[in-house]
């Protein structure tokens, strides 16, 4: 939260100071005291001892700051999300050995634009094929005159074929028998990761 109330001893992070004078964004400091501005009843002056050695005040009407604890929590969350995103993208790179990711990503993007399904549950559509998708959705009101839905059906069989061939190659690399049961299981597993990778690439 920007510009929270602070008291003496609070640790803060400068987000923006109108007249910087050496206190740049992300500089940390300790609040020495808080007081009113005699020239403006709406303004609060926050006297700060900054970690870079400067003693400059923040003005509540023009400057921006956050509590150090909030800033660190947000940064940790961003780092964790970035790490998870990178990890998912790397897993997707591994699957590119078996699957034509550009075609699968195009399919998922077309599926998203069609609006026929919540994308969090979309992985099974990668191997359904034209007939099955159409049997599920042909009577949906949002598929009538839906150009994206028509495009989805046009590439659904190719996508299904890519998934089957990719699962077979993946199983062969792992020295597993590519029987129908194993193929189906591998497609489900890989399709889930392909969907996660596509979402992470957004």
N, C-alpha and C. Protein backbone atom coordinates (compact mmCIF):
# COMPACT_ATOMS: atom_id res chain seq x y z
N UNK A 1 0.85 -1.19 0.00
CA UNK A 1 0.00 0.00 0.00
C UNK A 1 0.89 1.25 0.00
N UNK A 2 0.61 2.15 -0.93
CA UNK A 2 1.38 3.39 -1.02
C UNK A 2 1.00 4.34 0.10
N UNK A 3 2.01 5.02 0.62
CA UNK A 3 1.85 6.08 1.63
C UNK A 3 1.05 5.65 2.86
N UNK A 4 1.46 4.54 3.49
CA UNK A 4 0.78 4.16 4.73
C UNK A 4 1.17 5.11 5.86
N UNK A 5 0.37 5.12 6.91
CA UNK A 5 0.75 5.90 8.10
C UNK A 5 2.00 5.27 8.72
N UNK A 6 2.90 6.12 9.18
CA UNK A 6 4.14 5.62 9.77
C UNK A 6 4.40 6.32 11.10
N UNK A 7 5.30 5.74 11.88
CA UNK A 7 5.68 6.33 13.16
C UNK A 7 7.19 6.22 13.31
N UNK A 8 7.71 6.85 14.33
CA UNK A 8 9.14 6.81 14.60
C UNK A 8 9.62 5.36 14.69
N UNK A 9 10.73 5.10 13.99
CA UNK A 9 11.33 3.77 14.02
C UNK A 9 10.91 2.87 12.87
N UNK A 10 9.83 3.23 12.17
CA UNK A 10 9.39 2.40 11.04
C UNK A 10 10.43 2.42 9.93
N UNK A 11 10.59 1.27 9.29
CA UNK A 11 11.47 1.17 8.13
C UNK A 11 10.61 1.35 6.87
N UNK A 12 11.06 2.21 5.97
CA UNK A 12 10.29 2.49 4.76
C UNK A 12 11.20 2.42 3.53
N UNK A 13 10.55 2.36 2.37
CA UNK A 13 11.25 2.37 1.08
C UNK A 13 10.68 3.51 0.26
N UNK A 14 11.56 4.35 -0.25
CA UNK A 14 11.13 5.45 -1.12
C UNK A 14 10.74 4.89 -2.48
N UNK A 15 9.55 5.24 -2.93
CA UNK A 15 9.10 4.85 -4.27
C UNK A 15 9.30 6.02 -5.24
N UNK A 16 9.00 7.21 -4.76
CA UNK A 16 9.22 8.40 -5.60
C UNK A 16 9.29 9.64 -4.70
N UNK A 17 10.36 10.42 -4.89
CA UNK A 17 10.49 11.69 -4.18
C UNK A 17 10.60 12.79 -5.22
N UNK A 18 9.68 13.73 -5.16
CA UNK A 18 9.59 14.76 -6.20
C UNK A 18 10.92 15.49 -6.37
N UNK A 19 11.50 15.95 -5.28
CA UNK A 19 12.81 16.61 -5.34
C UNK A 19 13.81 15.66 -4.69
N UNK A 20 14.40 14.78 -5.52
CA UNK A 20 15.18 13.66 -4.99
C UNK A 20 16.36 14.08 -4.12
N UNK A 21 17.22 14.94 -4.60
CA UNK A 21 18.40 15.36 -3.85
C UNK A 21 19.18 14.18 -3.28
N UNK A 22 19.30 13.12 -4.06
CA UNK A 22 20.10 11.99 -3.61
C UNK A 22 19.31 10.83 -3.03
N UNK A 23 17.98 10.96 -2.92
CA UNK A 23 17.17 9.84 -2.47
C UNK A 23 16.40 9.33 -3.68
N UNK A 24 16.94 8.30 -4.30
CA UNK A 24 16.35 7.75 -5.50
C UNK A 24 15.33 6.67 -5.14
N UNK A 25 14.47 6.29 -6.10
CA UNK A 25 13.51 5.21 -5.83
C UNK A 25 14.20 3.95 -5.35
N UNK A 26 13.57 3.27 -4.40
CA UNK A 26 14.01 2.03 -3.76
C UNK A 26 15.06 2.24 -2.66
N UNK A 27 15.38 3.50 -2.37
CA UNK A 27 16.25 3.78 -1.22
C UNK A 27 15.47 3.48 0.06
N UNK A 28 16.15 2.84 1.01
CA UNK A 28 15.51 2.48 2.29
C UNK A 28 15.93 3.47 3.37
N UNK A 29 15.06 3.60 4.37
CA UNK A 29 15.39 4.50 5.46
C UNK A 29 14.57 4.22 6.70
N UNK A 30 14.93 4.95 7.78
CA UNK A 30 14.23 4.79 9.06
C UNK A 30 13.56 6.11 9.42
N UNK A 31 12.28 6.05 9.80
CA UNK A 31 11.52 7.25 10.17
C UNK A 31 12.04 7.77 11.51
N UNK A 32 12.42 9.07 11.53
CA UNK A 32 12.88 9.69 12.78
C UNK A 32 11.71 10.31 13.55
N UNK A 33 10.82 10.96 12.83
CA UNK A 33 9.61 11.51 13.44
C UNK A 33 8.64 11.92 12.35
N UNK A 34 7.40 12.17 12.77
CA UNK A 34 6.35 12.57 11.83
C UNK A 34 5.69 13.82 12.39
N UNK A 35 5.48 14.81 11.52
CA UNK A 35 4.87 16.05 12.01
C UNK A 35 4.07 16.76 10.94
N UNK A 36 3.23 17.73 11.36
CA UNK A 36 2.42 18.48 10.39
C UNK A 36 3.27 19.51 9.65
N UNK A 37 2.76 19.89 8.49
CA UNK A 37 3.41 20.95 7.70
C UNK A 37 2.73 22.27 8.06
N UNK A 38 3.48 23.22 8.60
CA UNK A 38 2.89 24.49 9.03
C UNK A 38 2.36 25.30 7.85
N UNK A 39 2.83 24.98 6.64
CA UNK A 39 2.41 25.73 5.46
C UNK A 39 1.22 25.08 4.73
N UNK A 40 0.89 23.83 5.08
CA UNK A 40 -0.22 23.14 4.42
C UNK A 40 -0.85 22.16 5.40
N UNK A 41 -2.10 22.42 5.76
CA UNK A 41 -2.76 21.58 6.78
C UNK A 41 -2.99 20.15 6.30
N UNK A 42 -3.03 19.94 4.96
CA UNK A 42 -3.26 18.60 4.42
C UNK A 42 -1.97 17.80 4.26
N UNK A 43 -0.84 18.45 4.45
CA UNK A 43 0.44 17.78 4.21
C UNK A 43 1.05 17.29 5.53
N UNK A 44 1.62 16.10 5.49
CA UNK A 44 2.36 15.55 6.62
C UNK A 44 3.83 15.44 6.21
N UNK A 45 4.71 15.81 7.12
CA UNK A 45 6.14 15.70 6.86
C UNK A 45 6.69 14.49 7.61
N UNK A 46 7.38 13.63 6.88
CA UNK A 46 7.99 12.45 7.49
C UNK A 46 9.51 12.64 7.41
N UNK A 47 10.10 12.80 8.58
CA UNK A 47 11.54 13.01 8.66
C UNK A 47 12.22 11.63 8.66
N UNK A 48 13.15 11.44 7.72
CA UNK A 48 13.73 10.11 7.51
C UNK A 48 15.26 10.17 7.49
N UNK A 49 15.86 9.18 8.14
CA UNK A 49 17.29 8.97 8.03
C UNK A 49 17.48 7.85 7.01
N UNK A 50 17.93 8.22 5.82
CA UNK A 50 18.05 7.25 4.73
C UNK A 50 19.34 6.45 4.84
N UNK A 51 19.29 5.21 4.36
CA UNK A 51 20.44 4.31 4.48
C UNK A 51 21.65 4.80 3.68
N UNK A 52 21.43 5.69 2.73
CA UNK A 52 22.56 6.21 1.94
C UNK A 52 23.24 7.41 2.62
N UNK A 53 22.81 7.71 3.87
CA UNK A 53 23.46 8.78 4.63
C UNK A 53 22.73 10.11 4.58
N UNK A 54 21.72 10.22 3.73
CA UNK A 54 21.01 11.49 3.62
C UNK A 54 19.91 11.58 4.69
N UNK A 55 19.63 12.80 5.15
CA UNK A 55 18.52 13.07 6.07
C UNK A 55 17.55 14.01 5.37
N UNK A 56 16.62 13.42 4.64
CA UNK A 56 15.67 14.21 3.88
C UNK A 56 14.25 13.76 4.21
N UNK A 57 13.32 14.71 4.12
CA UNK A 57 11.94 14.44 4.52
C UNK A 57 11.06 14.12 3.32
N UNK A 58 10.06 13.29 3.59
CA UNK A 58 9.03 13.00 2.61
C UNK A 58 7.82 13.89 2.88
N UNK A 59 7.18 14.35 1.81
CA UNK A 59 5.98 15.15 1.92
C UNK A 59 4.79 14.32 1.45
N UNK A 60 3.80 14.15 2.30
CA UNK A 60 2.70 13.23 1.98
C UNK A 60 1.90 13.64 0.74
N UNK A 61 1.89 14.93 0.41
CA UNK A 61 1.11 15.40 -0.73
C UNK A 61 1.76 15.08 -2.07
N UNK A 62 3.08 14.91 -2.09
CA UNK A 62 3.76 14.76 -3.39
C UNK A 62 4.63 13.51 -3.51
N UNK A 63 5.11 12.97 -2.38
CA UNK A 63 6.05 11.85 -2.43
C UNK A 63 5.34 10.51 -2.21
N UNK A 64 6.05 9.43 -2.56
CA UNK A 64 5.47 8.09 -2.43
C UNK A 64 6.44 7.19 -1.68
N UNK A 65 5.88 6.36 -0.76
CA UNK A 65 6.70 5.42 0.00
C UNK A 65 5.85 4.21 0.38
N UNK A 66 6.53 3.14 0.79
CA UNK A 66 5.86 1.95 1.31
C UNK A 66 6.64 1.47 2.53
N UNK A 67 5.99 0.68 3.36
CA UNK A 67 6.69 0.06 4.48
C UNK A 67 7.68 -0.98 3.94
N UNK A 68 8.85 -1.07 4.55
CA UNK A 68 9.87 -2.01 4.10
C UNK A 68 9.35 -3.45 4.13
N UNK A 69 8.57 -3.79 5.16
CA UNK A 69 8.05 -5.16 5.27
C UNK A 69 7.11 -5.50 4.12
N UNK A 70 6.27 -4.54 3.72
CA UNK A 70 5.36 -4.76 2.58
C UNK A 70 6.15 -4.88 1.29
N UNK A 71 7.15 -4.02 1.13
CA UNK A 71 7.97 -4.04 -0.07
C UNK A 71 8.69 -5.38 -0.21
N UNK A 72 9.28 -5.87 0.89
CA UNK A 72 10.01 -7.14 0.84
C UNK A 72 9.08 -8.31 0.54
N UNK A 73 7.87 -8.26 1.10
CA UNK A 73 6.91 -9.33 0.85
C UNK A 73 6.51 -9.36 -0.62
N UNK A 74 6.28 -8.18 -1.20
CA UNK A 74 5.91 -8.09 -2.62
C UNK A 74 7.07 -8.56 -3.49
N UNK A 75 8.29 -8.15 -3.14
CA UNK A 75 9.47 -8.54 -3.92
C UNK A 75 9.67 -10.05 -3.88
N UNK A 76 9.51 -10.64 -2.69
CA UNK A 76 9.66 -12.10 -2.58
C UNK A 76 8.61 -12.82 -3.43
N UNK A 77 7.40 -12.29 -3.44
CA UNK A 77 6.34 -12.89 -4.23
C UNK A 77 6.68 -12.79 -5.71
N UNK A 78 7.19 -11.64 -6.14
CA UNK A 78 7.55 -11.45 -7.55
C UNK A 78 8.70 -12.38 -7.95
N UNK A 79 9.68 -12.53 -7.05
CA UNK A 79 10.82 -13.42 -7.33
C UNK A 79 10.34 -14.86 -7.45
N UNK A 80 9.46 -15.26 -6.53
CA UNK A 80 8.93 -16.62 -6.56
C UNK A 80 8.13 -16.86 -7.84
N UNK A 81 7.28 -15.89 -8.21
CA UNK A 81 6.49 -16.03 -9.43
C UNK A 81 7.38 -16.09 -10.66
N UNK A 82 8.44 -15.27 -10.66
CA UNK A 82 9.38 -15.26 -11.78
C UNK A 82 10.10 -16.60 -11.89
N UNK A 83 10.50 -17.15 -10.73
CA UNK A 83 11.19 -18.44 -10.71
C UNK A 83 10.27 -19.55 -11.23
N UNK A 84 9.01 -19.54 -10.77
CA UNK A 84 8.05 -20.55 -11.22
C UNK A 84 7.79 -20.44 -12.71
N UNK A 85 7.69 -19.20 -13.19
CA UNK A 85 7.46 -18.98 -14.62
C UNK A 85 8.64 -19.51 -15.43
N UNK A 86 9.85 -19.21 -14.98
CA UNK A 86 11.05 -19.67 -15.69
C UNK A 86 11.13 -21.20 -15.67
N UNK A 87 10.80 -21.79 -14.53
CA UNK A 87 10.84 -23.25 -14.40
C UNK A 87 9.84 -23.89 -15.36
N UNK A 88 8.64 -23.32 -15.44
CA UNK A 88 7.63 -23.86 -16.35
C UNK A 88 8.04 -23.71 -17.81
N UNK A 89 8.66 -22.59 -18.13
CA UNK A 89 9.13 -22.39 -19.50
C UNK A 89 10.22 -23.39 -19.86
N UNK A 90 11.11 -23.68 -18.91
CA UNK A 90 12.18 -24.65 -19.15
C UNK A 90 11.61 -26.06 -19.35
N UNK A 91 10.59 -26.40 -18.60
CA UNK A 91 9.93 -27.70 -18.79
C UNK A 91 9.32 -27.77 -20.18
N UNK A 92 8.76 -26.65 -20.63
CA UNK A 92 8.19 -26.59 -21.97
C UNK A 92 9.24 -26.77 -23.05
N UNK A 93 10.42 -26.21 -22.80
CA UNK A 93 11.53 -26.38 -23.75
C UNK A 93 11.86 -27.86 -23.88
N UNK A 94 11.83 -28.60 -22.77
CA UNK A 94 12.08 -30.04 -22.80
C UNK A 94 11.05 -30.79 -23.63
N UNK A 95 9.80 -30.36 -23.55
CA UNK A 95 8.73 -31.02 -24.31
C UNK A 95 8.78 -30.68 -25.80
N UNK A 96 9.44 -29.59 -26.16
CA UNK A 96 9.55 -29.21 -27.57
C UNK A 96 10.28 -30.26 -28.39
N UNK A 97 10.98 -31.14 -27.72
CA UNK A 97 11.66 -32.27 -28.39
C UNK A 97 10.64 -33.23 -29.00
N UNK A 98 9.46 -33.28 -28.40
CA UNK A 98 8.44 -34.25 -28.81
C UNK A 98 7.24 -33.61 -29.50
N UNK A 99 6.98 -32.34 -29.23
CA UNK A 99 5.76 -31.71 -29.71
C UNK A 99 6.07 -30.43 -30.49
N UNK A 100 5.24 -30.14 -31.49
CA UNK A 100 5.35 -28.88 -32.24
C UNK A 100 4.66 -27.80 -31.40
N UNK A 101 5.45 -27.15 -30.57
CA UNK A 101 4.88 -26.22 -29.58
C UNK A 101 4.19 -25.03 -30.24
N UNK A 102 4.70 -24.56 -31.37
CA UNK A 102 4.10 -23.40 -32.03
C UNK A 102 2.66 -23.72 -32.45
N UNK A 103 2.44 -24.92 -32.97
CA UNK A 103 1.08 -25.31 -33.38
C UNK A 103 0.18 -25.47 -32.16
N UNK A 104 0.71 -26.09 -31.10
CA UNK A 104 -0.08 -26.30 -29.88
C UNK A 104 -0.42 -24.97 -29.21
N UNK A 105 0.53 -24.05 -29.20
CA UNK A 105 0.28 -22.72 -28.62
C UNK A 105 -0.78 -21.97 -29.44
N UNK A 106 -0.71 -22.12 -30.77
CA UNK A 106 -1.72 -21.47 -31.62
C UNK A 106 -3.10 -22.04 -31.31
N UNK A 107 -3.16 -23.36 -31.13
CA UNK A 107 -4.43 -24.01 -30.78
C UNK A 107 -4.96 -23.46 -29.45
N UNK A 108 -4.10 -23.38 -28.45
CA UNK A 108 -4.54 -22.89 -27.13
C UNK A 108 -4.99 -21.44 -27.19
N UNK A 109 -4.30 -20.63 -27.98
CA UNK A 109 -4.70 -19.22 -28.12
C UNK A 109 -6.05 -19.11 -28.82
N UNK A 110 -6.26 -19.95 -29.84
CA UNK A 110 -7.55 -19.96 -30.55
C UNK A 110 -8.65 -20.45 -29.62
N UNK A 111 -8.33 -21.46 -28.82
CA UNK A 111 -9.29 -21.96 -27.83
C UNK A 111 -9.67 -20.86 -26.84
N UNK A 112 -8.68 -20.11 -26.39
CA UNK A 112 -8.95 -19.01 -25.45
C UNK A 112 -9.88 -17.98 -26.08
N UNK A 113 -9.58 -17.60 -27.32
CA UNK A 113 -10.38 -16.59 -28.00
C UNK A 113 -11.80 -17.07 -28.31
N UNK A 114 -11.95 -18.38 -28.46
CA UNK A 114 -13.28 -18.92 -28.77
C UNK A 114 -14.24 -18.77 -27.59
N UNK A 115 -13.68 -18.76 -26.37
CA UNK A 115 -14.49 -18.57 -25.17
C UNK A 115 -15.35 -19.76 -24.78
N UNK A 116 -15.03 -20.95 -25.28
CA UNK A 116 -15.89 -22.10 -25.00
C UNK A 116 -15.52 -22.83 -23.72
N UNK A 117 -14.36 -22.50 -23.13
CA UNK A 117 -13.92 -23.23 -21.95
C UNK A 117 -13.05 -22.34 -21.07
N UNK A 118 -13.07 -22.59 -19.77
CA UNK A 118 -12.13 -21.94 -18.85
C UNK A 118 -10.76 -22.53 -19.12
N UNK A 119 -9.76 -21.70 -19.38
CA UNK A 119 -8.46 -22.19 -19.82
C UNK A 119 -7.73 -23.00 -18.76
N UNK A 120 -8.11 -22.88 -17.51
CA UNK A 120 -7.46 -23.68 -16.47
C UNK A 120 -7.78 -25.17 -16.63
N UNK A 121 -8.86 -25.47 -17.35
CA UNK A 121 -9.22 -26.86 -17.59
C UNK A 121 -9.13 -27.24 -19.05
N UNK A 122 -8.24 -26.57 -19.78
CA UNK A 122 -8.22 -26.70 -21.24
C UNK A 122 -7.27 -27.76 -21.77
N UNK A 123 -6.45 -28.38 -20.92
CA UNK A 123 -5.41 -29.28 -21.44
C UNK A 123 -5.98 -30.45 -22.24
N UNK A 124 -7.14 -30.98 -21.83
CA UNK A 124 -7.71 -32.15 -22.53
C UNK A 124 -8.12 -31.82 -23.96
N UNK A 125 -8.36 -30.53 -24.25
CA UNK A 125 -8.76 -30.14 -25.60
C UNK A 125 -7.62 -30.36 -26.61
N UNK A 126 -6.40 -30.43 -26.11
CA UNK A 126 -5.26 -30.62 -27.00
C UNK A 126 -5.31 -31.95 -27.73
N UNK A 127 -5.94 -32.97 -27.15
CA UNK A 127 -5.98 -34.27 -27.81
C UNK A 127 -7.40 -34.72 -28.18
N UNK A 128 -8.40 -33.87 -28.00
CA UNK A 128 -9.78 -34.28 -28.28
C UNK A 128 -10.07 -34.50 -29.76
N UNK A 129 -9.56 -33.63 -30.60
CA UNK A 129 -9.89 -33.71 -32.01
C UNK A 129 -11.19 -33.01 -32.34
N UNK A 130 -11.41 -32.80 -33.64
CA UNK A 130 -12.55 -32.04 -34.15
C UNK A 130 -13.89 -32.64 -33.72
N UNK A 131 -14.08 -33.93 -33.95
CA UNK A 131 -15.39 -34.55 -33.71
C UNK A 131 -15.82 -34.45 -32.25
N UNK A 132 -14.89 -34.73 -31.34
CA UNK A 132 -15.25 -34.72 -29.93
C UNK A 132 -15.53 -33.31 -29.43
N UNK A 133 -14.69 -32.36 -29.83
CA UNK A 133 -14.92 -30.96 -29.41
C UNK A 133 -16.28 -30.49 -29.91
N UNK A 134 -16.57 -30.80 -31.19
CA UNK A 134 -17.84 -30.34 -31.76
C UNK A 134 -19.04 -31.03 -31.12
N UNK A 135 -18.88 -32.30 -30.73
CA UNK A 135 -20.00 -33.01 -30.09
C UNK A 135 -20.30 -32.42 -28.72
N UNK A 136 -19.28 -31.88 -28.05
CA UNK A 136 -19.48 -31.28 -26.73
C UNK A 136 -20.10 -29.88 -26.84
N UNK A 137 -19.68 -29.13 -27.87
CA UNK A 137 -20.03 -27.70 -27.91
C UNK A 137 -20.95 -27.28 -29.06
N UNK A 138 -21.38 -28.22 -29.91
CA UNK A 138 -22.12 -27.78 -31.11
C UNK A 138 -23.44 -27.08 -30.79
N UNK A 139 -24.00 -27.34 -29.62
CA UNK A 139 -25.27 -26.69 -29.27
C UNK A 139 -25.08 -25.50 -28.32
N UNK A 140 -23.83 -25.17 -28.02
CA UNK A 140 -23.56 -24.00 -27.17
C UNK A 140 -23.97 -22.73 -27.91
N UNK A 141 -24.57 -21.81 -27.20
CA UNK A 141 -25.00 -20.55 -27.83
C UNK A 141 -23.83 -19.72 -28.31
N UNK A 142 -22.67 -19.84 -27.63
CA UNK A 142 -21.54 -18.98 -28.01
C UNK A 142 -20.69 -19.55 -29.14
N UNK A 143 -21.12 -20.68 -29.75
CA UNK A 143 -20.38 -21.23 -30.89
C UNK A 143 -21.00 -20.82 -32.22
N UNK A 144 -22.22 -20.31 -32.18
CA UNK A 144 -22.86 -19.87 -33.42
C UNK A 144 -22.18 -18.61 -33.94
N UNK A 145 -21.82 -18.66 -35.22
CA UNK A 145 -21.12 -17.54 -35.87
C UNK A 145 -19.91 -17.10 -35.06
N UNK A 146 -19.22 -18.09 -34.48
CA UNK A 146 -18.00 -17.83 -33.71
C UNK A 146 -16.81 -18.23 -34.58
N UNK A 147 -16.18 -17.22 -35.17
CA UNK A 147 -15.08 -17.47 -36.11
C UNK A 147 -13.92 -18.22 -35.45
N UNK A 148 -13.63 -17.88 -34.20
CA UNK A 148 -12.52 -18.54 -33.49
C UNK A 148 -12.85 -20.02 -33.24
N UNK A 149 -14.10 -20.31 -32.96
CA UNK A 149 -14.50 -21.70 -32.75
C UNK A 149 -14.33 -22.50 -34.05
N UNK A 150 -14.71 -21.91 -35.18
CA UNK A 150 -14.54 -22.58 -36.47
C UNK A 150 -13.06 -22.83 -36.76
N UNK A 151 -12.22 -21.84 -36.46
CA UNK A 151 -10.77 -22.01 -36.65
C UNK A 151 -10.23 -23.10 -35.74
N UNK A 152 -10.77 -23.17 -34.53
CA UNK A 152 -10.35 -24.20 -33.57
C UNK A 152 -10.63 -25.59 -34.13
N UNK A 153 -11.82 -25.78 -34.67
CA UNK A 153 -12.18 -27.08 -35.24
C UNK A 153 -11.29 -27.42 -36.43
N UNK A 154 -10.90 -26.40 -37.19
CA UNK A 154 -10.05 -26.63 -38.37
C UNK A 154 -8.68 -27.20 -37.99
N UNK A 155 -8.17 -26.82 -36.81
CA UNK A 155 -6.81 -27.28 -36.43
C UNK A 155 -6.83 -28.34 -35.33
N UNK A 156 -8.03 -28.74 -34.91
CA UNK A 156 -8.15 -29.69 -33.78
C UNK A 156 -7.58 -31.06 -34.12
N UNK A 157 -7.81 -31.56 -35.34
CA UNK A 157 -7.30 -32.89 -35.70
C UNK A 157 -5.78 -32.90 -35.82
N UNK A 158 -5.23 -31.82 -36.39
CA UNK A 158 -3.77 -31.73 -36.48
C UNK A 158 -3.15 -31.69 -35.09
N UNK A 159 -3.78 -30.94 -34.19
CA UNK A 159 -3.30 -30.86 -32.81
C UNK A 159 -3.37 -32.22 -32.13
N UNK A 160 -4.47 -32.92 -32.33
CA UNK A 160 -4.61 -34.27 -31.76
C UNK A 160 -3.50 -35.19 -32.27
N UNK A 161 -3.22 -35.13 -33.57
CA UNK A 161 -2.18 -35.96 -34.16
C UNK A 161 -0.80 -35.65 -33.59
N UNK A 162 -0.53 -34.36 -33.39
CA UNK A 162 0.75 -33.94 -32.79
C UNK A 162 0.88 -34.50 -31.38
N UNK A 163 -0.22 -34.45 -30.62
CA UNK A 163 -0.19 -34.96 -29.25
C UNK A 163 0.06 -36.47 -29.21
N UNK A 164 -0.60 -37.21 -30.09
CA UNK A 164 -0.43 -38.67 -30.10
C UNK A 164 0.99 -39.03 -30.50
N UNK A 165 1.50 -38.45 -31.59
CA UNK A 165 2.86 -38.76 -32.05
C UNK A 165 3.90 -38.34 -31.01
N UNK A 166 3.67 -37.18 -30.38
CA UNK A 166 4.60 -36.69 -29.37
C UNK A 166 4.64 -37.59 -28.16
N UNK A 167 3.49 -38.06 -27.72
CA UNK A 167 3.43 -38.96 -26.56
C UNK A 167 4.15 -40.27 -26.86
N UNK A 168 3.98 -40.77 -28.08
CA UNK A 168 4.67 -42.02 -28.48
C UNK A 168 6.18 -41.83 -28.43
N UNK A 169 6.67 -40.71 -29.00
CA UNK A 169 8.12 -40.44 -28.99
C UNK A 169 8.64 -40.28 -27.57
N UNK A 170 7.85 -39.62 -26.74
CA UNK A 170 8.25 -39.41 -25.35
C UNK A 170 8.36 -40.76 -24.62
N UNK A 171 7.39 -41.62 -24.82
CA UNK A 171 7.40 -42.95 -24.20
C UNK A 171 8.59 -43.78 -24.69
N UNK A 172 8.86 -43.71 -25.99
CA UNK A 172 9.99 -44.46 -26.55
C UNK A 172 11.31 -44.00 -25.95
N UNK A 173 11.46 -42.68 -25.77
CA UNK A 173 12.68 -42.15 -25.15
C UNK A 173 12.85 -42.63 -23.71
N UNK A 174 11.72 -42.85 -23.04
CA UNK A 174 11.77 -43.33 -21.66
C UNK A 174 11.78 -44.86 -21.58
N UNK A 175 11.89 -45.51 -22.77
CA UNK A 175 11.91 -46.99 -22.85
C UNK A 175 10.64 -47.60 -22.28
N UNK A 176 9.52 -46.93 -22.52
CA UNK A 176 8.23 -47.46 -22.07
C UNK A 176 7.42 -47.93 -23.27
N UNK A 177 6.58 -48.90 -23.03
CA UNK A 177 5.75 -49.47 -24.09
C UNK A 177 4.69 -48.45 -24.54
N UNK A 178 4.69 -48.08 -25.84
CA UNK A 178 3.69 -47.11 -26.31
C UNK A 178 2.35 -47.75 -26.63
N UNK A 179 1.76 -48.42 -25.62
CA UNK A 179 0.43 -48.99 -25.83
C UNK A 179 -0.61 -47.91 -25.59
N UNK A 180 -1.86 -48.13 -26.01
CA UNK A 180 -2.89 -47.08 -25.90
C UNK A 180 -3.04 -46.48 -24.51
N UNK A 181 -2.96 -47.33 -23.48
CA UNK A 181 -3.11 -46.83 -22.11
C UNK A 181 -1.97 -45.88 -21.74
N UNK A 182 -0.73 -46.28 -22.06
CA UNK A 182 0.42 -45.42 -21.75
C UNK A 182 0.41 -44.14 -22.58
N UNK A 183 0.00 -44.26 -23.84
CA UNK A 183 -0.08 -43.07 -24.70
C UNK A 183 -1.07 -42.06 -24.11
N UNK A 184 -2.23 -42.55 -23.71
CA UNK A 184 -3.26 -41.68 -23.14
C UNK A 184 -2.76 -41.01 -21.86
N UNK A 185 -2.11 -41.79 -21.01
CA UNK A 185 -1.59 -41.26 -19.75
C UNK A 185 -0.51 -40.20 -20.01
N UNK A 186 0.39 -40.48 -20.97
CA UNK A 186 1.47 -39.54 -21.28
C UNK A 186 0.94 -38.27 -21.91
N UNK A 187 -0.07 -38.40 -22.77
CA UNK A 187 -0.69 -37.22 -23.37
C UNK A 187 -1.29 -36.31 -22.31
N UNK A 188 -1.99 -36.91 -21.35
CA UNK A 188 -2.59 -36.12 -20.28
C UNK A 188 -1.54 -35.37 -19.48
N UNK A 189 -0.46 -36.09 -19.14
CA UNK A 189 0.60 -35.47 -18.35
C UNK A 189 1.28 -34.35 -19.13
N UNK A 190 1.64 -34.62 -20.38
CA UNK A 190 2.35 -33.62 -21.18
C UNK A 190 1.45 -32.45 -21.55
N UNK A 191 0.17 -32.73 -21.81
CA UNK A 191 -0.76 -31.66 -22.16
C UNK A 191 -0.91 -30.67 -21.01
N UNK A 192 -0.93 -31.18 -19.78
CA UNK A 192 -1.02 -30.29 -18.61
C UNK A 192 0.18 -29.36 -18.54
N UNK A 193 1.38 -29.92 -18.80
CA UNK A 193 2.58 -29.10 -18.76
C UNK A 193 2.63 -28.13 -19.93
N UNK A 194 2.16 -28.55 -21.10
CA UNK A 194 2.11 -27.66 -22.26
C UNK A 194 1.20 -26.47 -21.96
N UNK A 195 0.06 -26.73 -21.34
CA UNK A 195 -0.86 -25.64 -20.98
C UNK A 195 -0.21 -24.68 -19.99
N UNK A 196 0.47 -25.23 -18.98
CA UNK A 196 1.16 -24.39 -17.98
C UNK A 196 2.24 -23.55 -18.65
N UNK A 197 2.98 -24.17 -19.58
CA UNK A 197 4.03 -23.45 -20.29
C UNK A 197 3.44 -22.32 -21.13
N UNK A 198 2.33 -22.60 -21.82
CA UNK A 198 1.66 -21.57 -22.61
C UNK A 198 1.21 -20.43 -21.72
N UNK A 199 0.61 -20.73 -20.58
CA UNK A 199 0.17 -19.69 -19.65
C UNK A 199 1.36 -18.88 -19.14
N UNK A 200 2.48 -19.55 -18.88
CA UNK A 200 3.67 -18.87 -18.35
C UNK A 200 4.32 -17.96 -19.39
N UNK A 201 4.07 -18.26 -20.66
CA UNK A 201 4.67 -17.46 -21.72
C UNK A 201 3.92 -16.17 -21.98
N UNK A 202 2.76 -16.02 -21.34
CA UNK A 202 1.93 -14.83 -21.55
C UNK A 202 2.49 -13.62 -20.83
